[in-house]
Protein backbone atom coordinates (compact mmCIF):
# COMPACT_ATOMS: atom_id res chain seq x y z
CA MET A 1 0.00 0.00 0.00
CA THR A 2 1.23 3.44 -0.89
CA ALA A 3 0.20 6.04 1.67
CA THR A 4 0.68 9.77 1.46
CA MET A 5 0.01 11.50 4.75
CA ALA A 6 -0.24 15.24 4.24
CA GLY A 7 -0.08 18.05 6.72
CA MET A 8 0.04 16.18 10.03
CA SER A 9 0.43 19.25 12.20
CA ALA A 10 -1.31 21.28 14.85
CA THR A 11 -3.42 22.92 12.14
CA ASN A 12 -4.32 19.57 10.57
CA PRO A 13 -4.93 17.12 13.45
CA GLU A 14 -5.77 13.43 13.42
CA SER A 15 -9.48 14.09 13.97
CA PRO A 16 -11.74 16.99 12.93
CA ALA A 17 -12.35 18.02 16.54
CA ALA A 18 -12.73 21.70 15.66
CA LEU A 19 -15.44 20.91 13.11
CA ILE A 20 -17.25 18.67 15.59
CA ASP A 21 -17.14 21.39 18.25
CA GLN A 22 -18.54 23.95 15.82
CA VAL A 23 -21.40 21.64 14.86
CA LYS A 24 -22.26 20.93 18.49
CA ALA A 25 -22.23 24.65 19.30
CA GLY A 26 -24.40 25.41 16.27
CA THR A 27 -26.92 22.75 17.26
CA ALA A 28 -27.08 23.94 20.85
CA ALA A 29 -27.66 27.54 19.78
CA ARG A 30 -29.75 26.66 16.68
CA THR A 31 -27.23 28.64 14.63
CA PRO A 32 -27.36 27.91 10.88
CA LEU A 33 -24.05 26.71 9.45
CA ARG A 34 -22.98 27.36 5.87
CA ILE A 35 -20.67 24.46 5.02
CA VAL A 36 -17.97 25.32 2.49
CA GLY A 37 -14.78 23.88 1.08
CA GLY A 38 -13.29 26.23 -1.50
CA ASP A 39 -16.70 27.95 -1.82
CA THR A 40 -16.38 27.74 -5.61
CA LYS A 41 -19.99 26.59 -6.03
CA ALA A 42 -21.72 29.21 -3.90
CA PHE A 43 -23.83 30.07 -6.97
CA TYR A 44 -25.34 26.56 -7.08
CA GLY A 45 -28.60 26.04 -5.22
CA ASN A 46 -30.82 28.47 -3.39
CA PRO A 47 -28.99 31.30 -1.59
CA THR A 48 -28.29 30.49 2.05
CA SER A 49 -26.68 32.24 4.97
CA GLY A 50 -25.22 31.33 8.31
CA GLU A 51 -21.98 30.97 10.19
CA VAL A 52 -19.30 29.61 7.88
CA LEU A 53 -18.03 26.11 8.63
CA SER A 54 -14.98 25.55 6.46
CA THR A 55 -13.33 22.20 5.78
CA GLN A 56 -10.26 23.77 4.17
CA GLY A 57 -8.08 23.00 7.19
CA TRP A 58 -8.89 19.30 6.99
CA GLN A 59 -6.62 18.26 4.11
CA GLY A 60 -4.48 15.36 3.05
CA ILE A 61 -4.50 12.12 1.10
CA VAL A 62 -4.85 9.47 3.78
CA SER A 63 -4.04 6.51 1.53
CA HIS A 64 -3.71 5.65 -2.12
CA GLU A 65 -3.64 2.03 -3.21
CA PRO A 66 -2.94 2.09 -6.96
CA THR A 67 -3.26 -1.66 -7.43
CA GLU A 68 -6.66 -1.64 -5.73
CA LEU A 69 -7.81 1.50 -7.58
CA VAL A 70 -8.81 3.19 -4.32
CA VAL A 71 -7.90 6.53 -2.77
CA THR A 72 -9.01 7.88 0.62
CA VAL A 73 -8.81 11.63 1.01
CA ARG A 74 -9.83 14.35 3.46
CA ALA A 75 -12.64 16.62 2.35
CA GLY A 76 -10.65 19.87 2.36
CA THR A 77 -8.03 18.51 -0.05
CA LEU A 78 -7.81 20.46 -3.29
CA LEU A 79 -9.15 18.62 -6.31
CA SER A 80 -6.08 19.73 -8.25
CA ASP A 81 -3.79 18.13 -5.65
CA LEU A 82 -5.68 14.85 -5.79
CA ASP A 83 -5.65 14.87 -9.60
CA ALA A 84 -1.87 15.37 -9.55
CA VAL A 85 -1.27 12.45 -7.17
CA LEU A 86 -3.45 10.14 -9.25
CA ALA A 87 -1.79 11.25 -12.50
CA GLU A 88 1.60 10.17 -11.14
CA LYS A 89 0.24 6.61 -11.12
CA GLY A 90 -1.53 6.90 -14.46
CA GLN A 91 -4.96 7.12 -12.83
CA TYR A 92 -7.81 9.63 -12.67
CA LEU A 93 -11.34 10.35 -11.43
CA PRO A 94 -13.50 9.33 -14.41
CA PHE A 95 -16.48 11.52 -13.51
CA GLU A 96 -14.44 14.67 -14.31
CA ALA A 97 -15.99 16.98 -11.73
CA PRO A 98 -16.16 20.60 -12.93
CA ARG A 99 -13.40 22.82 -11.55
CA PHE A 100 -15.02 26.18 -10.93
CA GLY A 101 -11.88 27.55 -9.29
CA ALA A 102 -8.36 26.65 -8.23
CA VAL A 103 -9.48 26.03 -4.64
CA SER A 104 -12.17 23.50 -5.48
CA THR A 105 -12.07 20.70 -2.86
CA ILE A 106 -12.91 17.02 -3.10
CA GLY A 107 -15.50 17.41 -0.32
CA GLY A 108 -17.25 20.05 -2.40
CA VAL A 109 -17.07 17.78 -5.44
CA VAL A 110 -18.91 15.00 -3.61
CA ALA A 111 -21.38 17.35 -1.90
CA ALA A 112 -22.33 18.97 -5.22
CA GLY A 113 -22.42 15.70 -7.13
CA LEU A 114 -21.66 17.40 -10.46
CA ALA A 115 -19.94 15.47 -13.23
CA GLY A 116 -18.26 16.36 -16.50
CA PRO A 117 -18.48 15.34 -20.17
CA GLY A 118 -18.06 11.58 -19.69
CA ARG A 119 -20.93 11.16 -17.19
CA ALA A 120 -23.28 9.29 -19.52
CA ASN A 121 -20.71 6.60 -20.30
CA VAL A 122 -18.61 6.21 -17.14
CA GLY A 123 -21.04 7.20 -14.37
CA GLY A 124 -21.34 10.06 -11.93
CA VAL A 125 -19.76 11.00 -8.62
CA ARG A 126 -21.91 8.72 -6.47
CA ASP A 127 -20.94 5.73 -8.61
CA TYR A 128 -17.33 6.11 -7.42
CA VAL A 129 -17.96 6.76 -3.72
CA LEU A 130 -16.98 3.61 -1.81
CA GLY A 131 -17.33 5.05 1.68
CA LEU A 132 -17.08 8.22 3.68
CA GLN A 133 -17.05 9.80 7.10
CA PHE A 134 -19.19 12.76 8.06
CA ILE A 135 -20.35 14.73 11.06
CA ASN A 136 -24.10 14.72 11.64
CA GLY A 137 -26.18 17.39 13.33
CA LYS A 138 -25.55 15.84 16.74
CA GLY A 139 -21.81 16.27 16.37
CA GLU A 140 -21.26 12.52 15.87
CA TRP A 141 -18.46 11.48 13.53
CA LEU A 142 -19.94 8.60 11.54
CA THR A 143 -18.43 6.12 9.08
CA PHE A 144 -20.33 4.49 6.25
CA GLY A 145 -19.18 2.16 3.49
CA GLY A 146 -15.61 1.02 3.07
CA GLN A 147 -12.66 1.00 0.70
CA VAL A 148 -13.70 -1.92 -1.52
CA MET A 149 -16.78 -2.55 -3.59
CA LYS A 150 -17.73 -5.73 -1.68
CA ASN A 151 -18.03 -3.83 1.60
CA VAL A 152 -21.66 -2.78 1.35
CA ALA A 153 -22.39 -1.88 4.99
CA GLY A 154 -24.04 1.53 4.81
CA TYR A 155 -23.13 1.82 1.13
CA ASP A 156 -26.30 3.64 0.14
CA VAL A 157 -25.74 6.26 2.85
CA SER A 158 -22.32 7.00 1.39
CA ARG A 159 -23.82 7.55 -2.03
CA LEU A 160 -26.67 9.55 -0.54
CA MET A 161 -24.22 12.28 0.47
CA ALA A 162 -23.24 12.84 -3.17
CA GLY A 163 -25.32 15.77 -4.37
CA SER A 164 -26.78 16.58 -0.95
CA LEU A 165 -25.12 20.03 -0.97
CA GLY A 166 -24.17 19.79 2.68
CA THR A 167 -27.76 19.54 3.90
CA LEU A 168 -27.27 16.19 5.65
CA GLY A 169 -23.88 16.59 7.29
CA VAL A 170 -20.27 17.73 7.07
CA ILE A 171 -18.28 15.34 4.89
CA THR A 172 -14.78 14.84 6.33
CA ASP A 173 -13.21 11.85 4.53
CA ILE A 174 -14.06 10.06 1.29
CA SER A 175 -12.89 6.76 -0.23
CA LEU A 176 -13.17 6.82 -4.00
CA LYS A 177 -12.72 4.31 -6.75
CA VAL A 178 -10.31 5.53 -9.44
CA LEU A 179 -9.51 4.16 -12.90
CA PRO A 180 -6.41 3.89 -15.10
CA VAL A 181 -6.03 6.49 -17.83
CA ALA A 182 -7.14 4.98 -21.13
CA PRO A 183 -4.32 3.93 -23.50
CA ALA A 184 -5.83 5.86 -26.41
CA GLU A 185 -8.12 8.83 -27.01
CA ALA A 186 -9.55 10.52 -30.08
CA THR A 187 -11.95 13.40 -30.70
CA LEU A 188 -14.09 13.51 -33.81
CA VAL A 189 -16.11 16.49 -35.06
CA PHE A 190 -19.17 16.40 -37.32
CA GLU A 191 -21.23 19.19 -38.85
CA LEU A 192 -24.75 18.10 -37.87
CA GLY A 193 -27.97 19.79 -36.83
CA GLN A 194 -29.31 19.06 -33.37
CA ALA A 195 -31.87 16.44 -34.46
CA GLU A 196 -29.32 14.68 -36.68
CA ALA A 197 -26.71 14.75 -33.93
CA LEU A 198 -29.07 13.22 -31.36
CA GLU A 199 -30.16 10.54 -33.80
CA GLN A 200 -26.55 9.66 -34.56
CA LEU A 201 -25.60 9.55 -30.87
CA HIS A 202 -28.51 7.26 -30.07
CA ARG A 203 -27.51 4.94 -32.91
CA TRP A 204 -23.86 4.83 -31.82
CA GLY A 205 -24.83 4.43 -28.18
CA GLY A 206 -26.42 1.08 -28.93
CA GLN A 207 -23.28 -0.27 -30.55
CA PRO A 208 -20.04 -1.66 -29.03
CA LEU A 209 -18.04 1.54 -29.53
CA PRO A 210 -15.57 3.15 -27.10
CA LEU A 211 -17.74 6.28 -26.74
CA ASN A 212 -16.71 8.40 -23.76
CA ALA A 213 -18.22 11.87 -24.19
CA SER A 214 -20.21 14.02 -26.57
CA CYS A 215 -20.95 17.74 -26.99
CA TRP A 216 -23.25 19.39 -29.51
CA VAL A 217 -23.13 23.17 -29.78
CA LYS A 218 -23.76 26.13 -32.03
CA ASP A 219 -21.97 29.40 -31.31
CA ALA A 220 -24.92 31.73 -30.68
CA THR A 221 -22.66 34.79 -31.00
CA GLN A 222 -21.92 33.94 -34.64
CA PRO A 223 -25.08 33.87 -36.80
CA ASN A 224 -23.40 31.82 -39.53
CA ALA A 225 -21.53 29.47 -37.22
CA PRO A 226 -21.98 25.77 -38.03
CA GLU A 227 -23.76 23.33 -35.73
CA LEU A 228 -21.10 20.92 -34.51
CA LEU A 229 -21.11 17.56 -32.75
CA PHE A 230 -17.93 16.57 -30.92
CA VAL A 231 -17.44 12.95 -29.86
CA ARG A 232 -14.64 11.67 -27.63
CA LEU A 233 -13.50 8.06 -27.83
CA ARG A 234 -11.40 6.38 -25.15
CA GLY A 235 -10.16 2.84 -24.75
CA ALA A 236 -7.73 0.34 -26.22
CA VAL A 237 -5.63 1.64 -29.11
CA ALA A 238 -7.08 -0.78 -31.66
CA ALA A 239 -10.67 -0.06 -30.61
CA VAL A 240 -10.25 3.71 -30.75
CA GLU A 241 -8.51 3.63 -34.13
CA ALA A 242 -11.10 1.33 -35.68
CA ALA A 243 -14.02 3.36 -34.29
CA SER A 244 -12.48 6.66 -35.42
CA GLU A 245 -12.04 5.47 -38.99
CA ARG A 246 -15.55 4.05 -39.13
CA LEU A 247 -17.41 7.02 -37.60
CA VAL A 248 -15.56 9.61 -39.68
CA LYS A 249 -16.62 7.79 -42.85
CA GLU A 250 -20.13 7.08 -41.63
CA ALA A 251 -21.06 10.65 -40.64
CA HIS A 252 -18.56 12.60 -42.79
CA GLY A 253 -16.53 13.91 -39.88
CA GLN A 254 -12.96 14.83 -39.11
CA ARG A 255 -10.50 13.77 -36.45
CA MET A 256 -9.09 16.55 -34.28
CA ASP A 257 -5.58 16.80 -32.93
CA ASN A 258 -5.61 15.81 -29.25
CA ALA A 259 -3.55 18.89 -28.37
CA GLN A 260 -6.40 21.04 -29.67
CA ALA A 261 -9.26 18.88 -28.41
CA GLY A 262 -7.95 18.47 -24.85
CA PRO A 263 -8.40 22.14 -23.84
CA ASP A 264 -11.83 22.17 -25.48
CA TRP A 265 -13.03 19.23 -23.37
CA ALA A 266 -11.55 20.90 -20.28
CA GLY A 267 -13.49 24.04 -21.21
CA CYS A 268 -16.67 22.00 -21.54
CA ARG A 269 -16.01 20.40 -18.14
CA ASP A 270 -15.25 23.69 -16.39
CA GLN A 271 -17.77 25.82 -18.29
CA THR A 272 -15.17 28.14 -19.80
CA LEU A 273 -16.20 27.60 -23.42
CA PRO A 274 -17.56 30.67 -25.25
CA PHE A 275 -21.09 29.25 -24.93
CA PHE A 276 -20.93 29.62 -21.14
CA GLN A 277 -19.96 33.31 -21.30
CA ASN A 278 -23.01 35.56 -21.36
CA SER A 279 -22.89 39.25 -20.44
CA SER A 280 -26.64 39.86 -20.53
CA PRO A 281 -27.72 40.80 -16.97
CA GLU A 282 -31.07 39.00 -17.24
CA ALA A 283 -29.68 35.79 -18.71
CA CYS A 284 -29.60 32.73 -16.46
CA LEU A 285 -27.86 29.44 -17.18
CA TRP A 286 -30.35 26.57 -17.08
CA ARG A 287 -29.53 22.89 -16.86
CA LEU A 288 -32.08 20.46 -18.25
CA SER A 289 -31.72 16.83 -17.19
CA LEU A 290 -33.61 14.62 -19.62
CA PRO A 291 -33.75 11.02 -20.83
CA GLN A 292 -31.08 10.49 -23.49
CA THR A 293 -33.78 9.67 -26.02
CA ALA A 294 -35.65 12.97 -25.50
CA PRO A 295 -36.28 14.78 -28.81
CA VAL A 296 -35.28 18.31 -29.74
CA LEU A 297 -37.11 20.68 -27.38
CA ASN A 298 -39.29 23.39 -28.84
CA VAL A 299 -37.73 26.27 -26.91
CA PRO A 300 -36.29 29.46 -28.48
CA TYR A 301 -32.91 29.41 -26.77
CA ALA A 302 -29.42 28.41 -27.90
CA GLN A 303 -28.26 25.15 -26.37
CA LEU A 304 -25.18 23.09 -25.61
CA ILE A 305 -25.96 19.38 -25.30
CA GLU A 306 -23.90 16.78 -23.45
CA TRP A 307 -24.27 13.21 -22.25
CA GLN A 308 -25.72 11.99 -25.57
CA GLY A 309 -28.74 14.21 -25.08
CA ALA A 310 -29.28 13.76 -21.34
CA GLN A 311 -27.86 17.12 -20.24
CA ARG A 312 -28.84 20.30 -22.06
CA TRP A 313 -27.59 23.75 -21.14
CA LEU A 314 -29.27 26.95 -22.28
CA TRP A 315 -29.40 30.65 -21.49
CA ALA A 316 -32.82 32.09 -20.71
CA PRO A 317 -34.29 34.69 -18.33
CA ALA A 318 -35.58 33.68 -14.93
CA ALA A 319 -39.08 34.45 -16.22
CA ALA A 320 -38.79 31.41 -18.51
CA ALA A 321 -38.85 29.04 -15.52
CA SER A 322 -42.38 27.78 -16.10
CA GLU A 323 -41.81 27.32 -19.84
CA LEU A 324 -38.58 25.39 -19.39
CA ARG A 325 -39.82 23.23 -16.55
CA SER A 326 -42.98 22.34 -18.44
CA ALA A 327 -40.93 21.39 -21.50
CA ALA A 328 -38.62 19.22 -19.37
CA ARG A 329 -41.48 17.50 -17.53
CA ALA A 330 -43.19 16.73 -20.82
CA VAL A 331 -40.31 14.36 -21.63
CA ASN A 332 -39.89 13.06 -18.04
CA GLY A 333 -37.04 15.39 -17.13
CA HIS A 334 -36.48 18.41 -14.92
CA ALA A 335 -34.89 21.86 -15.14
CA THR A 336 -32.48 23.52 -12.73
CA LEU A 337 -31.64 27.21 -12.59
CA PHE A 338 -27.91 26.59 -12.43
CA ARG A 339 -26.58 30.16 -12.43
CA ALA A 340 -28.73 33.20 -11.81
CA GLY A 341 -27.97 36.25 -13.93
CA ALA A 342 -26.57 39.52 -12.64
CA GLU A 343 -30.11 40.63 -11.84
CA GLY A 344 -30.64 37.51 -9.73
CA ALA A 345 -33.77 35.41 -9.88
CA PRO A 346 -36.04 36.58 -7.06
CA GLY A 347 -38.95 34.25 -6.44
CA VAL A 348 -37.64 31.51 -8.74
CA ALA A 349 -36.61 28.24 -7.09
CA ARG A 350 -33.27 26.93 -8.26
CA PHE A 351 -34.48 23.32 -8.31
CA ASP A 352 -37.63 21.84 -9.79
CA GLU A 353 -40.35 20.59 -7.44
CA GLN A 354 -39.93 17.09 -6.02
CA GLY A 355 -42.72 14.56 -6.09
CA PRO A 356 -44.52 13.87 -2.78
CA VAL A 357 -42.75 10.54 -2.23
CA ILE A 358 -39.26 12.00 -2.75
CA GLU A 359 -40.13 15.03 -0.63
CA THR A 360 -41.25 12.80 2.24
CA ILE A 361 -38.06 10.74 2.08
CA THR A 362 -35.95 13.91 1.94
CA GLN A 363 -37.61 15.39 5.01
CA ARG A 364 -37.17 12.16 6.97
CA LEU A 365 -33.49 11.99 6.08
CA ARG A 366 -32.89 15.57 7.17
CA ALA A 367 -34.75 14.97 10.41
CA GLU A 368 -32.55 11.95 11.09
CA PHE A 369 -29.17 13.45 10.17
CA ASP A 370 -29.77 17.10 11.07
CA PRO A 371 -32.62 17.29 13.60
CA ALA A 372 -31.91 20.93 14.46
CA GLY A 373 -31.94 21.95 10.79
CA ILE A 374 -28.67 23.88 10.93
CA PHE A 375 -26.86 22.56 7.82
CA ASN A 376 -27.16 24.83 4.77
CA PRO A 377 -30.85 25.53 5.47
CA GLY A 378 -32.84 26.24 2.32
CA ARG A 379 -29.98 25.35 -0.07
CA MET A 380 -32.05 22.71 -1.86
């Protein structure tokens, strides 16, 4: 086993006693706590306030077992630091969590549950969480799951924390499954309209191809810009080469140089592509989560489509909430107001309404883990 113990000092102790004390004090006084790591995703979810509880001081890679494809890391560890350690062993986190800033932490990654371009083919954050430790609203430091897939004790609770936005507890330590970097990668680009692109992706998705990610986009700032579908292949060298040759011929595409394509995929992951830059004060960035087979939506807004059709981004005013949510529900999906514009979005909920069954389960979970209701109240 290779272990890297980072920062064992007075400011980074063996247990998160300071965090536990802050939680206990908050519970006793009914003081709301705003849990943050790097605070790079403060825009995500409903605005919340409270005394800041920061995990930044709780850093370090506790253990990394390359042969077992497992890493255990403290929540305040920078995502960039973890990526660097894994890269040294030819490994990575396949869900490609968005990096919204240099101080993004792995605890924030799990709490937000956001994934990058390859989500539809490799899985999301919760699919790679093997176990974790967190502090509940009673100030108890609890452990769920383990470091191997066969250890299923409390496994669902571990996954439950992914995407909970800190409303159930303070994540302190996470064990994650990692994967080896693929031997080969190729990016193909096709000039296709949205309907054609979705049809092609659905056809390819049902075939034994090394598909890893897709992105369809039209540059809304350029009236005559082409509609482009980008497809990323990853896998064995022979499989990637054969698939590249076949798909280029089949859909009249081109193969991009990896040196050019790499930054573009990073920009898609981190939302730094031109599409994600909008200076209009009333424009909000909406995220529509739909079945992959959903058709082209009849909405008058430019879109960027990922995950073979399952994730669709668009810019629209907050006033379009009802229109967008109705369109998403019509195809069994939902719409999230991901980023409010400069004018804000007063009176518009960031997340779509939950069904009565899900709402009941959510309330019971919060009552169990955070009976005083102090963790990020109102965030979701």
